[in-house]
Protein backbone atom coordinates (compact mmCIF):
# COMPACT_ATOMS: atom_id res chain seq x y z
CA UNK A 1 16.85 -7.58 7.71
CA UNK A 2 13.48 -7.85 6.03
CA UNK A 3 13.13 -8.55 2.33
CA UNK A 4 12.18 -5.25 0.68
CA UNK A 5 11.74 -6.69 -2.80
CA UNK A 6 8.34 -6.13 -4.37
CA UNK A 7 6.47 -7.27 -7.42
CA UNK A 8 3.78 -5.08 -8.92
CA UNK A 9 1.79 -6.62 -11.77
CA UNK A 10 4.82 -8.72 -12.67
CA UNK A 11 7.29 -5.83 -12.42
CA UNK A 12 10.06 -6.67 -9.95
CA UNK A 13 11.94 -4.09 -7.92
CA UNK A 14 14.61 -4.31 -5.20
CA UNK A 15 12.48 -2.12 -2.92
CA UNK A 16 9.06 -0.39 -3.01
CA UNK A 17 10.46 3.12 -3.52
CA UNK A 18 10.13 4.45 -7.07
CA UNK A 19 10.59 7.94 -8.41
CA UNK A 20 7.40 9.20 -10.02
CA UNK A 21 7.25 10.52 -13.54
CA UNK A 22 8.34 14.13 -13.03
CA UNK A 23 11.36 16.48 -13.28
CA UNK A 24 13.62 14.10 -11.25
CA UNK A 25 13.26 11.44 -13.99
CA UNK A 26 13.79 13.71 -16.97
CA UNK A 27 17.09 12.17 -18.13
CA UNK A 28 19.25 9.10 -17.97
CA UNK A 29 21.79 11.00 -15.87
CA UNK A 30 19.18 11.67 -13.19
CA UNK A 31 17.72 8.17 -13.16
CA UNK A 32 21.15 6.58 -12.86
CA UNK A 33 22.00 8.91 -9.97
CA UNK A 34 18.74 7.89 -8.34
CA UNK A 35 19.44 4.16 -8.73
CA UNK A 36 22.93 4.65 -7.32
CA UNK A 37 21.35 6.37 -4.31
CA UNK A 38 19.10 3.38 -3.69
CA UNK A 39 15.78 3.95 -5.44
CA UNK A 40 14.23 0.67 -6.53
CA UNK A 41 12.58 2.00 -9.66
CA UNK A 42 11.78 5.07 -11.71
CA UNK A 43 8.96 6.12 -13.98
CA UNK A 44 10.56 8.15 -16.76
CA UNK A 45 9.18 11.63 -17.31
CA UNK A 46 6.22 11.30 -19.68
CA UNK A 47 7.16 10.72 -23.30
CA UNK A 48 5.27 11.76 -26.40
CA UNK A 49 5.83 11.82 -30.13
CA UNK A 50 5.43 15.54 -30.76
CA UNK A 51 7.52 18.62 -29.89
CA UNK A 52 6.78 20.12 -26.46
CA UNK A 53 7.58 23.70 -25.46
CA UNK A 54 7.65 24.52 -21.75
CA UNK A 55 7.37 27.95 -20.17
CA UNK A 56 9.14 29.83 -17.37
CA UNK A 57 8.46 30.18 -14.52
CA UNK A 58 7.02 26.76 -13.68
CA UNK A 59 7.00 25.98 -9.96
CA UNK A 60 5.55 27.42 -6.78
CA UNK A 61 5.36 26.16 -3.22
CA UNK A 62 3.18 26.57 -0.16
CA UNK A 63 5.12 27.23 3.04
CA UNK A 64 3.43 27.11 6.45
CA UNK A 65 5.19 28.66 9.41
CA UNK A 66 8.72 27.27 9.48
CA UNK A 67 7.80 24.31 7.31
CA UNK A 68 9.00 24.67 3.73
CA UNK A 69 7.19 23.08 0.79
CA UNK A 70 4.09 21.79 2.55
CA UNK A 71 2.53 21.85 -0.90
CA UNK A 72 4.02 22.13 -4.37
CA UNK A 73 2.52 23.41 -7.61
CA UNK A 74 3.78 23.16 -11.16
CA UNK A 75 2.70 24.21 -14.63
CA UNK A 76 5.44 22.22 -16.37
CA UNK A 77 4.45 19.95 -19.22
CA UNK A 78 5.74 16.49 -20.09
CA UNK A 79 9.27 16.02 -21.44
CA UNK A 80 10.45 18.58 -23.95
CA UNK A 81 13.39 16.37 -24.96
CA UNK A 82 13.18 14.45 -28.28
CA UNK A 83 11.77 10.94 -28.10
CA UNK A 84 14.80 9.33 -29.72
CA UNK A 85 17.14 10.93 -27.16
CA UNK A 86 15.01 9.65 -24.29
CA UNK A 87 14.85 6.15 -25.76
CA UNK A 88 18.62 5.99 -26.19
CA UNK A 89 19.16 7.02 -22.56
CA UNK A 90 16.53 4.57 -21.30
CA UNK A 91 18.32 1.74 -23.03
CA UNK A 92 21.60 2.80 -21.39
CA UNK A 93 19.98 2.96 -17.94
CA UNK A 94 18.42 -0.47 -18.29
CA UNK A 95 21.70 -1.98 -19.47
CA UNK A 96 23.55 -0.55 -16.47
CA UNK A 97 20.81 -1.28 -13.90
CA UNK A 98 19.06 -4.44 -15.12
CA UNK A 99 17.53 -5.30 -11.72
CA UNK A 100 15.90 -1.93 -11.17
CA UNK A 101 12.39 -1.21 -12.39
CA UNK A 102 12.29 1.19 -15.33
CA UNK A 103 8.83 2.29 -16.40
CA UNK A 104 8.00 4.42 -19.43
CA UNK A 105 5.28 7.01 -18.87
CA UNK A 106 3.42 7.69 -22.10
CA UNK A 107 1.01 10.25 -23.49
CA UNK A 108 -0.05 10.78 -27.09
CA UNK A 109 -3.06 12.19 -28.86
CA UNK A 110 -6.10 9.89 -28.67
CA UNK A 111 -5.46 7.86 -31.81
CA UNK A 112 -5.07 4.10 -31.86
CA UNK A 113 -2.14 4.06 -34.25
CA UNK A 114 -0.30 6.71 -32.22
CA UNK A 115 -0.52 4.56 -29.09
CA UNK A 116 0.64 1.48 -31.01
CA UNK A 117 3.65 3.30 -32.41
CA UNK A 118 4.94 4.72 -29.14
CA UNK A 119 4.36 1.48 -27.22
CA UNK A 120 6.42 -0.49 -29.71
CA UNK A 121 9.15 2.15 -29.70
CA UNK A 122 9.61 2.26 -25.92
CA UNK A 123 9.34 -1.49 -25.40
CA UNK A 124 12.13 -1.99 -27.92
CA UNK A 125 14.62 -0.41 -25.49
CA UNK A 126 13.87 -2.91 -22.73
CA UNK A 127 11.61 -1.08 -20.26
CA UNK A 128 9.92 -3.20 -17.58
CA UNK A 129 6.49 -1.66 -17.95
CA UNK A 130 4.36 1.18 -19.24
CA UNK A 131 2.47 3.86 -17.34
CA UNK A 132 -0.30 5.62 -19.25
CA UNK A 133 -0.51 9.24 -18.14
CA UNK A 134 -4.23 9.91 -17.93
CA UNK A 135 -3.79 12.42 -15.14
CA UNK A 136 -1.81 15.54 -16.11
CA UNK A 137 -4.21 18.41 -15.31
CA UNK A 138 -2.66 21.29 -17.23
CA UNK A 139 -1.35 22.00 -20.71
CA UNK A 140 -1.83 18.53 -22.10
CA UNK A 141 -5.45 18.36 -20.97
CA UNK A 142 -6.14 21.36 -23.19
CA UNK A 143 -4.94 19.20 -26.07
CA UNK A 144 -7.27 16.30 -25.33
CA UNK A 145 -4.72 14.28 -23.38
CA UNK A 146 -3.85 13.74 -19.72
CA UNK A 147 -6.77 14.39 -17.36
CA UNK A 148 -9.00 15.12 -20.36
CA UNK A 149 -8.86 11.34 -20.82
CA UNK A 150 -8.67 10.41 -17.14
CA UNK A 151 -11.91 12.20 -16.29
CA UNK A 152 -13.92 9.99 -18.65
CA UNK A 153 -14.13 6.25 -17.87
CA UNK A 154 -15.03 5.38 -21.45
CA UNK A 155 -11.88 7.07 -22.78
CA UNK A 156 -9.74 5.41 -20.11
CA UNK A 157 -11.14 2.02 -21.08
CA UNK A 158 -10.77 2.62 -24.82
CA UNK A 159 -7.20 3.90 -24.80
CA UNK A 160 -6.08 1.24 -22.35
CA UNK A 161 -7.49 -1.35 -24.75
CA UNK A 162 -5.51 0.20 -27.60
CA UNK A 163 -2.29 -0.09 -25.64
CA UNK A 164 -3.00 -3.65 -24.53
CA UNK A 165 -3.45 -4.70 -28.15
CA UNK A 166 0.30 -4.38 -28.71
CA UNK A 167 1.94 -4.12 -25.28
CA UNK A 168 4.23 -6.96 -24.23
CA UNK A 169 5.04 -5.51 -20.81
CA UNK A 170 2.68 -4.75 -17.90
CA UNK A 171 0.47 -1.69 -18.34
CA UNK A 172 -0.15 0.70 -15.42
CA UNK A 173 -2.86 3.35 -15.80
CA UNK A 174 -2.17 6.58 -13.90
CA UNK A 175 -5.40 8.16 -12.65
CA UNK A 176 -6.33 11.79 -12.08
CA UNK A 177 -7.86 12.87 -8.76
CA UNK A 178 -9.73 15.66 -10.53
CA UNK A 179 -12.91 13.62 -10.66
CA UNK A 180 -15.91 12.99 -8.41
CA UNK A 181 -15.23 9.29 -7.75
CA UNK A 182 -11.90 7.79 -8.79
CA UNK A 183 -13.26 4.25 -8.52
CA UNK A 184 -15.13 4.64 -11.80
CA UNK A 185 -11.99 5.37 -13.81
CA UNK A 186 -10.10 2.68 -11.89
CA UNK A 187 -12.77 0.16 -12.86
CA UNK A 188 -12.61 1.36 -16.46
CA UNK A 189 -8.85 0.84 -16.49
CA UNK A 190 -9.31 -2.76 -15.35
CA UNK A 191 -12.03 -3.32 -17.94
CA UNK A 192 -9.62 -2.05 -20.59
CA UNK A 193 -7.09 -4.67 -19.53
CA UNK A 194 -4.79 -2.64 -17.26
CA UNK A 195 -2.43 -4.76 -15.16
CA UNK A 196 -2.25 -2.10 -12.43
CA UNK A 197 -3.20 1.46 -11.60
CA UNK A 198 -1.16 4.31 -10.12
CA UNK A 199 -2.68 7.18 -8.16
CA UNK A 200 -2.90 10.00 -7.61
CA UNK A 201 -1.70 12.44 -10.21
CA UNK A 202 -1.65 16.12 -9.29
CA UNK A 203 -4.68 18.15 -8.22
CA UNK A 204 -5.92 21.27 -10.03
CA UNK A 205 -4.67 24.28 -8.11
CA UNK A 206 -3.74 27.94 -7.99
CA UNK A 207 -0.91 28.36 -5.51
CA UNK A 208 -1.52 32.01 -4.72
CA UNK A 209 -1.63 35.65 -5.78
CA UNK A 210 1.17 38.15 -5.23
CA UNK A 211 -0.32 40.91 -3.05
CA UNK A 212 2.05 43.55 -4.45
CA UNK A 213 1.73 42.83 -8.18
CA UNK A 214 -1.69 41.09 -8.05
CA UNK A 215 -0.31 38.43 -10.37
CA UNK A 216 -0.90 34.67 -10.01
CA UNK A 217 1.93 32.58 -8.53
CA UNK A 218 3.71 31.46 -10.64
CA UNK A 219 3.11 33.74 -13.61
CA UNK A 220 4.47 33.81 -17.13
CA UNK A 221 4.89 37.35 -18.41
CA UNK A 222 1.92 38.61 -16.40
CA UNK A 223 -0.44 35.67 -16.80
CA UNK A 224 -0.95 32.52 -14.77
CA UNK A 225 -2.78 29.24 -15.23
CA UNK A 226 -3.98 26.41 -13.03
CA UNK A 227 -1.33 23.86 -12.22
CA UNK A 228 -0.87 20.49 -10.56
CA UNK A 229 -0.73 20.35 -6.76
CA UNK A 230 1.32 17.75 -4.90
CA UNK A 231 3.53 17.37 -1.85
CA UNK A 232 2.81 16.48 1.80
CA UNK A 233 -0.46 18.44 1.83
CA UNK A 234 -2.13 16.05 -0.63
CA UNK A 235 -1.24 12.85 1.21
CA UNK A 236 -4.63 12.43 2.98
CA UNK A 237 -6.44 12.85 -0.33
CA UNK A 238 -4.18 10.38 -2.07
CA UNK A 239 -4.35 7.83 0.74
CA UNK A 240 -8.14 7.92 0.70
CA UNK A 241 -8.28 7.35 -3.05
CA UNK A 242 -5.81 4.45 -2.84
CA UNK A 243 -7.89 2.89 -0.06
CA UNK A 244 -11.14 3.35 -1.97
CA UNK A 245 -9.70 1.55 -5.00
CA UNK A 246 -8.07 -1.15 -2.88
CA UNK A 247 -11.36 -2.07 -1.16
CA UNK A 248 -13.43 -1.99 -4.34
CA UNK A 249 -13.87 -5.54 -5.69
CA UNK A 250 -14.60 -4.13 -9.15
CA UNK A 251 -11.07 -2.69 -9.30
CA UNK A 252 -9.12 -5.67 -8.04
CA UNK A 253 -5.72 -4.96 -9.61
CA UNK A 254 -2.41 -3.89 -8.01
CA UNK A 255 -1.87 -0.26 -7.03
CA UNK A 256 1.18 1.98 -7.15
CA UNK A 257 0.57 4.66 -4.52
CA UNK A 258 1.47 8.29 -5.16
CA UNK A 259 0.83 11.56 -3.33
CA UNK A 260 2.72 13.36 -0.60
CA UNK A 261 4.95 10.45 0.38
CA UNK A 262 7.95 11.95 2.15
CA UNK A 263 9.00 9.39 4.78
CA UNK A 264 9.06 5.64 5.37
CA UNK A 265 6.04 6.12 7.61
CA UNK A 266 4.05 7.59 4.73
CA UNK A 267 5.09 4.66 2.56
CA UNK A 268 3.98 2.11 5.17
CA UNK A 269 0.56 3.76 5.39
CA UNK A 270 0.11 3.46 1.61
CA UNK A 271 1.26 -0.16 1.67
CA UNK A 272 -1.13 -1.01 4.49
CA UNK A 273 -3.96 0.61 2.55
CA UNK A 274 -3.39 -1.54 -0.49
CA UNK A 275 -0.48 -0.17 -2.52
CA UNK A 276 2.11 -2.74 -3.62
CA UNK A 277 4.70 0.01 -4.03
CA UNK A 278 4.98 3.79 -3.85
CA UNK A 279 6.17 6.62 -6.05
CA UNK A 280 7.83 9.80 -4.79
CA UNK A 281 8.39 13.17 -6.44
CA UNK A 282 8.15 16.30 -4.27
CA UNK A 283 10.27 14.91 -1.43
CA UNK A 284 13.07 14.12 -3.90
CA UNK A 285 12.81 17.60 -5.38
CA UNK A 286 12.95 19.12 -1.90
CA UNK A 287 15.68 16.99 -0.33
CA UNK A 288 17.49 15.22 -3.17
CA UNK A 289 17.77 11.56 -4.13
CA UNK A 290 19.53 10.44 -0.94
CA UNK A 291 16.31 10.84 1.02
CA UNK A 292 15.62 7.26 -0.05
CA UNK A 293 18.35 6.06 2.35
CA UNK A 294 16.24 7.12 5.34
CA UNK A 295 13.18 5.56 3.73
CA UNK A 296 14.90 2.22 3.27
CA UNK A 297 16.43 2.21 6.76
CA UNK A 298 13.18 3.22 8.38
CA UNK A 299 11.17 0.57 6.55
CA UNK A 300 13.74 -2.10 7.39
CA UNK A 301 13.72 -1.20 11.08
CA UNK A 302 9.93 -1.08 11.19
CA UNK A 303 9.53 -4.52 9.63
CA UNK A 304 12.25 -5.98 11.88
CA UNK A 305 10.56 -4.60 14.98
CA UNK A 306 7.28 -6.11 13.87
CA UNK A 307 8.90 -9.45 13.11
CA UNK A 308 7.84 -9.25 9.46
CA UNK A 309 10.17 -10.90 6.97
CA UNK A 310 8.87 -9.42 3.70
CA UNK A 311 7.47 -6.01 2.88
CA UNK A 312 4.86 -7.65 0.65
CA UNK A 313 3.37 -9.20 3.80
CA UNK A 314 1.97 -5.84 4.91
CA UNK A 315 0.35 -4.88 1.60
CA UNK A 316 -3.37 -4.30 2.12
CA UNK A 317 -3.42 -5.34 5.79
CA UNK A 318 -5.48 -2.29 6.79
CA UNK A 319 -7.91 -2.29 3.88
CA UNK A 320 -10.59 -4.24 5.74
CA UNK A 321 -10.60 -1.60 8.50
CA UNK A 322 -11.60 1.13 6.04
CA UNK A 323 -15.33 1.26 5.48
CA UNK A 324 -18.36 3.50 5.05
CA UNK A 325 -19.65 5.73 7.85
CA UNK A 326 -22.78 3.62 8.15
CA UNK A 327 -20.69 0.66 9.31
CA UNK A 328 -19.15 2.45 12.32
CA UNK A 329 -20.11 1.44 15.86
CA UNK A 330 -22.46 4.03 17.37
CA UNK A 331 -21.97 2.52 20.81
CA UNK A 332 -18.22 3.06 20.92
CA UNK A 333 -17.32 5.94 23.25
CA UNK A 334 -14.07 7.69 24.05
CA UNK A 335 -13.44 10.70 26.28
CA UNK A 336 -10.55 13.06 26.84
CA UNK A 337 -8.42 12.73 29.96
CA UNK A 338 -5.76 15.27 30.89
CA UNK A 339 -2.45 14.35 32.48
CA UNK A 340 -2.03 17.25 34.89
CA UNK A 341 1.66 16.50 35.43
CA UNK A 342 2.35 17.22 31.76
CA UNK A 343 -0.14 20.05 31.35
CA UNK A 344 1.48 23.48 30.87
CA UNK A 345 -1.82 25.35 31.46
CA UNK A 346 -1.85 27.02 28.07
CA UNK A 347 -5.64 26.51 28.04
CA UNK A 348 -5.71 25.79 24.30
CA UNK A 349 -7.88 22.73 24.94
CA UNK A 350 -10.43 24.82 26.86
CA UNK A 351 -10.55 27.54 24.20
CA UNK A 352 -10.92 25.06 21.35
CA UNK A 353 -13.61 23.09 23.16
CA UNK A 354 -15.47 26.20 24.32
CA UNK A 355 -15.45 28.00 20.97
CA UNK A 356 -15.48 25.20 18.43
CA UNK A 357 -16.63 21.97 20.00
CA UNK A 358 -18.94 20.89 22.87
CA UNK A 359 -18.06 23.06 25.88
CA UNK A 360 -17.02 20.18 28.14
CA UNK A 361 -13.63 21.43 29.41
CA UNK A 362 -13.77 23.79 32.37
CA UNK A 363 -11.15 25.94 34.06
CA UNK A 364 -11.47 25.61 37.81
CA UNK A 365 -9.48 26.82 40.80
CA UNK A 366 -8.07 24.04 42.95
CA UNK A 367 -9.21 24.60 46.54
CA UNK A 368 -6.01 23.15 48.00
CA UNK A 369 -3.36 24.68 45.75
CA UNK A 370 -5.30 27.78 44.63
CA UNK A 371 -4.05 27.08 41.10
CA UNK A 372 -6.18 26.97 37.96
CA UNK A 373 -6.75 23.56 36.37
CA UNK A 374 -8.43 22.36 33.19
CA UNK A 375 -10.92 19.59 33.85
CA UNK A 376 -12.94 17.48 31.42
CA UNK A 377 -16.59 16.80 32.20
CA UNK A 378 -16.56 13.28 30.84
CA UNK A 379 -20.34 12.94 30.84
CA UNK A 380 -20.52 15.74 28.25
CA UNK A 381 -17.41 14.82 26.24
CA UNK A 382 -18.22 13.51 22.74
CA UNK A 383 -14.71 12.23 22.04
CA UNK A 384 -14.13 14.49 19.04
CA UNK A 385 -10.30 14.59 19.59
CA UNK A 386 -10.07 18.38 19.06
CA UNK A 387 -8.48 19.07 22.46
CA UNK A 388 -5.80 16.44 21.86
CA UNK A 389 -5.13 17.83 18.39
CA UNK A 390 -4.55 21.41 19.57
CA UNK A 391 -2.55 20.49 22.68
CA UNK A 392 1.10 21.51 22.12
CA UNK A 393 2.52 18.84 24.46
CA UNK A 394 2.34 15.27 23.17
CA UNK A 395 0.89 12.79 25.63
CA UNK A 396 -0.84 15.38 27.81
CA UNK A 397 -4.34 14.52 26.60
CA UNK A 398 -5.32 10.90 26.03
CA UNK A 399 -8.50 9.70 24.37
CA UNK A 400 -9.69 6.82 26.53
CA UNK A 401 -12.37 4.26 25.73
CA UNK A 402 -15.29 4.22 28.17
CA UNK A 403 -17.50 1.09 28.10
CA UNK A 404 -21.19 1.97 28.01
CA UNK A 405 -22.55 -1.54 28.46
CA UNK A 406 -24.21 -1.80 25.07
CA UNK A 407 -23.41 -4.18 22.19
CA UNK A 408 -21.97 -2.76 18.97
CA UNK A 409 -24.57 -1.07 16.78
CA UNK A 410 -24.03 0.57 13.40
CA UNK A 411 -26.25 3.08 11.66
CA UNK A 412 -26.99 0.53 8.96
CA UNK A 413 -28.00 -2.06 11.56
CA UNK A 414 -30.14 0.50 13.35
CA UNK A 415 -31.95 1.51 10.18
CA UNK A 416 -32.46 -2.12 9.19
CA UNK A 417 -33.97 -2.86 12.60
CA UNK A 418 -36.22 0.17 12.44
CA UNK A 419 -37.32 -0.80 8.96
CA UNK A 420 -38.07 -4.38 10.07
CA UNK A 421 -40.06 -3.16 13.06
CA UNK A 422 -41.96 -0.76 10.89
CA UNK A 423 -42.79 -3.54 8.44
CA UNK A 424 -44.04 -5.78 11.23
CA UNK A 425 -46.13 -2.94 12.62
CA UNK A 426 -47.69 -2.21 9.23
CA UNK A 427 -48.45 -5.88 8.68
CA UNK A 428 -50.08 -6.09 12.11
């Protein structure tokens, strides 16, 4: 079996699967249950030094068809349990599970001495690292914390510096996605001395409105507020932001990937795109802690099948394939081809192509069998993939590369050549 041990900014863990800072890590009881189930690490629910009062109700979910919890929304704040109680339980967890990664998530008002005090307090109980919560989008942001910090690179840099002045364990900065370009705050975290970053935190959201009562979902005594959105639906957003940070040389520090990770396959994608480990929340809330068993087994089998001996060997292996649009080959062409033996003649591909794409799939009557067939006019096909996406039978439509006899050419190369030719023409 492959070696699943990871090391992120000096923090060692028996596997790459950590619980994110959230309701599942609210107490020592929960974290110990999680470690017994097989989780390699846990980021304790965010601690602070002031009393917190939560509201009810707090959660809402997006269901789509028969799929439950495609997306998840919450308006819950950070821990409402006293700091000293949390610290006592953290010490007990670390004593019982010394080889598991235990990370303290922290958030205090933007004062240097406040950061110094809480860092010293949590490190005294033996945690393996700190995660600075600069991402919470609701409740705490209204108090000048959370994403109110994470949306401003200068504040990220400054408060990271404050923590690094006293921290003796690795410092991870958790970034908010509620920003135009996450690379700027990631760079600021590195400039402030961060040892790693974690992303993404939840996305600003309103889950819905009750059509009978006209109240927001969820609501608290007739009023609602924006919350944090997570779950499988945010995975593409999170994966993009992880990849953008991983390929940015001005970031250049380890990444803990977060956002919609529900299976071992999701985890592998994040690892390939530059994360050294992953954090999970919604999947654990939906299915319970034992979901990690499938994640571990799946990752082990995948690595064994690939002949890879250590999970760390796949970290970042796909980063160099992720680029800007201007670097894509304009002379690469694929077309759709339909396997008629598998086709069930639902005509979804024709409808989608006719109404929403490039009108290159025809319905014709076969002269020999007198049956209707769907046929792709390859000369008009632009290879958009829509027909394959809407086809209900896997493997019926294949996107096949068609050589066009031209060397690779990117938009950037084309523009550079045009510019050079224009310069020569002007000079002549």
